[in-house]
Protein backbone atom coordinates (compact mmCIF):
# COMPACT_ATOMS: atom_id res chain seq x y z
CA MET A 1 8.61 18.18 -10.14
CA ARG A 2 8.01 20.33 -7.02
CA ILE A 3 4.56 20.01 -5.48
CA LEU A 4 2.64 22.01 -2.88
CA VAL A 5 0.16 19.79 -1.02
CA THR A 6 -2.69 21.15 1.09
CA ASN A 7 -6.17 20.12 2.18
CA ASP A 8 -9.26 21.26 4.13
CA ASP A 9 -9.36 18.47 6.73
CA GLY A 10 -6.31 19.68 8.60
CA VAL A 11 -2.56 19.10 8.54
CA PHE A 12 -2.65 15.87 10.62
CA THR A 13 -5.18 13.89 8.58
CA GLU A 14 -4.53 10.45 7.13
CA GLY A 15 -5.60 11.40 3.61
CA LEU A 16 -3.03 14.16 3.32
CA TRP A 17 -0.11 12.01 4.49
CA THR A 18 -1.12 8.99 2.42
CA LEU A 19 -0.93 11.32 -0.60
CA VAL A 20 2.35 12.86 0.50
CA ASN A 21 4.06 9.53 1.06
CA GLU A 22 3.07 8.44 -2.45
CA LEU A 23 4.15 11.74 -4.09
CA ARG A 24 7.52 12.04 -2.35
CA ASN A 25 8.65 8.96 -4.26
CA ILE A 26 8.50 10.93 -7.50
CA SER A 27 8.77 14.60 -6.51
CA GLN A 28 9.81 17.16 -3.94
CA VAL A 29 6.83 17.90 -1.69
CA THR A 30 6.03 20.79 0.62
CA VAL A 31 2.94 20.71 2.88
CA VAL A 32 1.12 23.87 3.88
CA ALA A 33 -2.31 23.10 5.32
CA PRO A 34 -4.85 24.34 7.89
CA ASP A 35 -4.04 23.55 11.51
CA ARG A 36 -7.58 22.19 12.02
CA GLU A 37 -10.75 21.00 10.23
CA GLN A 38 -11.86 23.56 7.63
CA SER A 39 -14.38 21.66 5.50
CA ALA A 40 -17.08 23.47 3.53
CA VAL A 41 -15.45 26.90 3.76
CA GLY A 42 -15.20 27.13 -0.02
CA THR A 43 -12.90 29.88 -1.26
CA ALA A 44 -12.92 31.88 2.00
CA VAL A 45 -9.87 33.97 2.81
CA THR A 46 -8.96 35.73 6.04
CA LEU A 47 -8.67 39.52 5.73
CA TRP A 48 -9.45 41.02 9.12
CA ARG A 49 -7.05 39.25 11.46
CA PRO A 50 -3.40 38.17 11.28
CA LEU A 51 -2.52 34.66 10.11
CA ARG A 52 -0.14 32.60 12.20
CA ILE A 53 2.06 29.90 10.71
CA ARG A 54 3.80 27.12 12.61
CA GLU A 55 6.62 25.15 11.02
CA MET A 56 6.21 21.58 12.16
CA LYS A 57 8.56 18.67 12.62
CA PRO A 58 8.16 16.76 9.38
CA ILE A 59 5.72 13.86 9.60
CA ALA A 60 7.31 12.38 6.42
CA PRO A 61 11.08 12.52 5.87
CA GLU A 62 12.37 15.63 4.07
CA VAL A 63 8.89 17.14 3.65
CA ALA A 64 8.83 20.74 4.86
CA THR A 65 5.52 21.09 6.73
CA TYR A 66 3.63 24.21 7.89
CA ALA A 67 0.37 24.48 9.80
CA VAL A 68 -1.70 27.61 9.07
CA GLU A 69 -4.21 29.15 11.48
CA GLY A 70 -6.56 29.86 8.57
CA THR A 71 -8.52 28.45 5.65
CA PRO A 72 -7.37 26.16 2.85
CA SER A 73 -7.22 29.20 0.51
CA ASP A 74 -5.16 31.07 3.10
CA SER A 75 -2.74 28.16 3.20
CA VAL A 76 -2.12 28.21 -0.53
CA ILE A 77 -1.83 31.99 -0.72
CA LEU A 78 0.69 32.04 2.12
CA ALA A 79 2.61 29.12 0.63
CA LEU A 80 2.92 30.69 -2.80
CA GLY A 81 3.43 34.22 -1.52
CA LYS A 82 5.93 33.60 1.28
CA LEU A 83 6.85 30.04 2.15
CA VAL A 84 7.61 28.37 -1.17
CA LYS A 85 7.41 31.29 -3.57
CA ASN A 86 8.55 30.47 -7.13
CA ARG A 87 9.53 26.95 -6.07
CA VAL A 88 6.54 24.81 -7.01
CA ASP A 89 5.26 23.36 -10.29
CA LEU A 90 1.90 21.99 -9.17
CA VAL A 91 -0.66 22.48 -6.39
CA ILE A 92 -2.59 19.44 -5.07
CA SER A 93 -5.40 19.59 -2.49
CA GLY A 94 -6.41 16.35 -0.74
CA ILE A 95 -6.94 13.53 -0.24
CA ASN A 96 -10.30 14.70 1.08
CA GLN A 97 -12.25 12.04 2.94
CA GLY A 98 -15.64 12.69 1.40
CA LEU A 99 -16.64 13.19 -2.23
CA ASN A 100 -16.87 16.67 -3.80
CA LEU A 101 -19.46 16.33 -6.55
CA GLY A 102 -21.91 18.49 -8.45
CA ASP A 103 -22.78 21.92 -7.09
CA ASP A 104 -21.03 21.14 -3.82
CA VAL A 105 -17.66 22.00 -5.40
CA HIS A 106 -18.64 25.64 -4.86
CA ILE A 107 -18.48 25.27 -1.07
CA SER A 108 -15.65 22.75 -0.99
CA GLY A 109 -12.54 23.86 0.88
CA THR A 110 -10.62 21.14 -1.00
CA VAL A 111 -11.61 22.61 -4.33
CA GLY A 112 -11.19 26.18 -3.03
CA ALA A 113 -7.57 25.48 -2.15
CA ALA A 114 -6.86 24.01 -5.60
CA LEU A 115 -8.54 27.04 -7.17
CA GLN A 116 -6.03 29.34 -5.49
CA GLY A 117 -3.19 27.43 -7.01
CA TYR A 118 -4.84 27.68 -10.46
CA LEU A 119 -5.44 31.42 -10.05
CA HIS A 120 -1.73 31.85 -9.27
CA GLY A 121 -0.86 30.21 -12.57
CA PHE A 122 -0.15 26.62 -11.52
CA PRO A 123 -1.78 23.39 -12.65
CA ALA A 124 -4.02 22.29 -9.79
CA LEU A 125 -5.72 19.08 -8.69
CA ALA A 126 -8.43 18.57 -6.06
CA ILE A 127 -8.53 14.91 -4.95
CA SER A 128 -11.39 13.34 -2.95
CA THR A 129 -12.48 9.83 -2.08
CA ALA A 130 -15.78 8.45 -0.76
CA ARG A 131 -16.17 7.86 2.97
CA GLY A 132 -16.72 4.36 4.15
CA ASN A 133 -15.40 1.46 6.21
CA GLY A 134 -11.81 0.59 5.47
CA LEU A 135 -10.71 3.61 3.48
CA HIS A 136 -8.76 2.84 0.32
CA LEU A 137 -6.81 6.06 0.30
CA ASP A 138 -3.97 4.35 -1.51
CA THR A 139 -6.17 4.09 -4.62
CA ALA A 140 -6.59 7.89 -4.79
CA ALA A 141 -2.93 8.45 -3.97
CA LYS A 142 -1.68 6.15 -6.74
CA LEU A 143 -4.06 7.81 -9.24
CA THR A 144 -2.78 11.24 -8.24
CA ALA A 145 0.82 10.17 -8.72
CA ARG A 146 -0.09 8.93 -12.20
CA LEU A 147 -1.61 12.30 -13.06
CA VAL A 148 1.48 14.05 -11.76
CA LYS A 149 3.66 11.96 -14.06
CA LYS A 150 1.43 12.84 -17.02
CA ILE A 151 1.68 16.58 -16.22
CA ALA A 152 5.46 16.31 -15.80
CA SER A 153 5.81 14.57 -19.18
CA ASP A 154 3.58 17.11 -20.95
CA SER A 155 0.95 14.45 -21.62
CA LEU A 156 -1.59 16.82 -20.03
CA PRO A 157 -1.97 20.58 -20.45
CA LYS A 158 0.05 22.74 -18.04
CA ASP A 159 -2.94 24.96 -17.27
CA ILE A 160 -5.33 22.29 -15.96
CA PHE A 161 -7.64 22.57 -12.95
CA LEU A 162 -9.12 19.16 -12.22
CA ASN A 163 -11.62 17.92 -9.61
CA VAL A 164 -10.94 14.21 -9.15
CA ASN A 165 -13.29 11.88 -7.18
CA VAL A 166 -12.40 8.27 -6.48
CA PRO A 167 -14.68 5.46 -5.22
CA ASN A 168 -13.69 4.00 -1.88
CA ARG A 169 -12.61 0.72 -3.45
CA PRO A 170 -9.37 -1.21 -4.08
CA LEU A 171 -7.75 -0.35 -7.36
CA ASP A 172 -8.73 -3.67 -8.96
CA GLU A 173 -12.40 -2.93 -8.24
CA ILE A 174 -12.48 0.45 -10.01
CA GLY A 175 -14.55 0.35 -13.20
CA MET A 176 -12.89 2.97 -15.38
CA VAL A 177 -11.63 6.54 -15.45
CA GLN A 178 -14.29 8.90 -16.84
CA VAL A 179 -13.91 12.54 -17.84
CA THR A 180 -17.09 14.22 -16.60
CA ARG A 181 -18.91 17.44 -15.94
CA LEU A 182 -20.47 18.65 -12.72
CA ALA A 183 -23.95 17.39 -11.95
CA ARG A 184 -26.52 20.06 -11.06
CA GLU A 185 -27.11 18.56 -7.64
CA SER A 186 -26.01 19.27 -4.06
CA HIS A 187 -25.73 17.31 -0.83
CA ILE A 188 -26.73 20.42 1.15
CA ASN A 189 -30.45 20.53 0.43
CA THR A 190 -32.14 19.89 3.80
CA VAL A 191 -32.72 22.06 6.85
CA GLU A 192 -33.58 20.45 10.20
CA GLU A 193 -35.03 22.44 13.12
CA SER A 194 -34.31 21.81 16.78
CA GLU A 195 -35.12 23.38 20.17
CA ASN A 196 -33.40 23.24 23.53
CA GLY A 197 -36.17 24.80 25.57
CA LYS A 198 -34.77 28.32 25.39
CA SER A 199 -34.08 28.87 21.72
CA ARG A 200 -34.69 27.42 18.29
CA TYR A 201 -31.83 26.56 15.99
CA TYR A 202 -31.23 24.93 12.61
CA TRP A 203 -28.93 22.40 11.00
CA LEU A 204 -27.97 22.28 7.34
CA VAL A 205 -27.90 18.53 6.73
CA ARG A 206 -25.93 16.60 4.13
CA GLN A 207 -28.07 14.12 2.26
CA GLN A 208 -27.12 11.43 -0.20
CA LEU A 209 -27.23 12.63 -3.76
CA SER A 210 -30.18 11.30 -5.72
CA LYS A 211 -29.60 8.82 -8.56
CA THR A 212 -28.97 10.46 -11.90
CA LYS A 213 -29.48 9.22 -15.44
CA ASP A 214 -26.98 11.64 -16.98
CA ARG A 215 -24.01 9.48 -17.94
CA LYS A 216 -21.75 12.50 -18.48
CA THR A 217 -21.78 13.74 -14.89
CA ASP A 218 -19.47 13.15 -11.95
CA VAL A 219 -22.32 11.79 -9.83
CA TRP A 220 -23.19 9.12 -12.41
CA ALA A 221 -19.54 8.06 -12.75
CA ILE A 222 -19.16 7.53 -9.00
CA GLU A 223 -22.42 5.61 -8.82
CA GLN A 224 -21.02 3.15 -11.39
CA GLY A 225 -17.81 2.66 -9.41
CA ASN A 226 -15.80 4.80 -11.82
CA ILE A 227 -13.24 7.49 -11.16
CA SER A 228 -14.55 10.95 -12.11
CA ILE A 229 -12.17 13.62 -13.47
CA THR A 230 -13.91 16.90 -14.01
CA PRO A 231 -12.07 19.85 -15.70
CA LEU A 232 -13.00 23.08 -13.88
CA SER A 233 -12.63 26.70 -14.97
CA THR A 234 -12.97 30.19 -13.59
CA GLU A 235 -15.04 31.13 -16.63
CA LEU A 236 -18.47 32.15 -15.33
CA SER A 237 -20.05 32.98 -18.67
CA SER A 238 -21.91 30.60 -20.95
CA LYS A 239 -23.19 30.66 -24.48
CA SER A 240 -26.78 30.88 -23.32
CA SER A 241 -26.16 33.43 -20.54
CA SER A 242 -27.68 36.30 -22.46
CA SER A 243 -30.59 34.35 -23.85
CA GLY A 244 -33.92 36.03 -23.22
CA LEU A 245 -32.37 39.13 -21.66
CA GLY A 246 -32.68 41.46 -24.65
CA ASN A 247 -35.46 43.54 -23.01
CA LEU A 248 -33.78 43.77 -19.60
CA CYS A 249 -31.41 46.74 -19.98
CA PRO A 250 -33.58 49.43 -21.65
CA GLY A 251 -35.11 51.59 -18.93
CA LEU A 252 -33.76 49.47 -16.08
CA LEU A 253 -31.99 52.32 -14.37
CA GLN A 254 -35.12 54.47 -14.53
CA GLU A 255 -37.06 51.76 -12.69
CA LEU A 256 -34.73 51.80 -9.70
């Protein structure tokens, strides 16, 4: 199994290398990641300036490592298009230090990077863990390695795109693994206003997600101390998407 690993926190972060050191025991790993913090950039790609790549001295033995002056999505596109073309079986983004739950997956650079792998035809995993004192990144890394083994043995579909969130707990304190769906909630729901005497400016503030009673969601699973595994898709339609729109189209152009 040959794995491309990336993230949105930057190529030097502890989460990425905890994951790499676990995965290189079972696979051949290549790292292509942003050269700096790129959180909350979603699926952004760089179109109007050149992208520079720096090959780095490996931080882990025998792991080819590249730092990209761009976004997480840029990193995956460059990796698959130039650096490791036709030489990977799986794309993994993480370990992100901070959960990616609910509607926030749409702005997550971690999930955005995994999405690029999926769009290029590879199984893809986005791995995140909760922030906190004494990070238990090894828990998320061991879970990821287990998922990789299942993909390699054909125990899981080859066309999966999974968003995985892990409580910041030792492995023996994890409740269970739960397959979930995205909650309809977001951390980014508050705007704070400030002044410096000359101008007024605003902050978009991350708030703690409210408690949910929906046992099928990723937020509920994490609240219970469970691991959340959410299958994602690029399908934007839904069975109810056309409901109530029957009178929309007739005459619409004439009203413009």
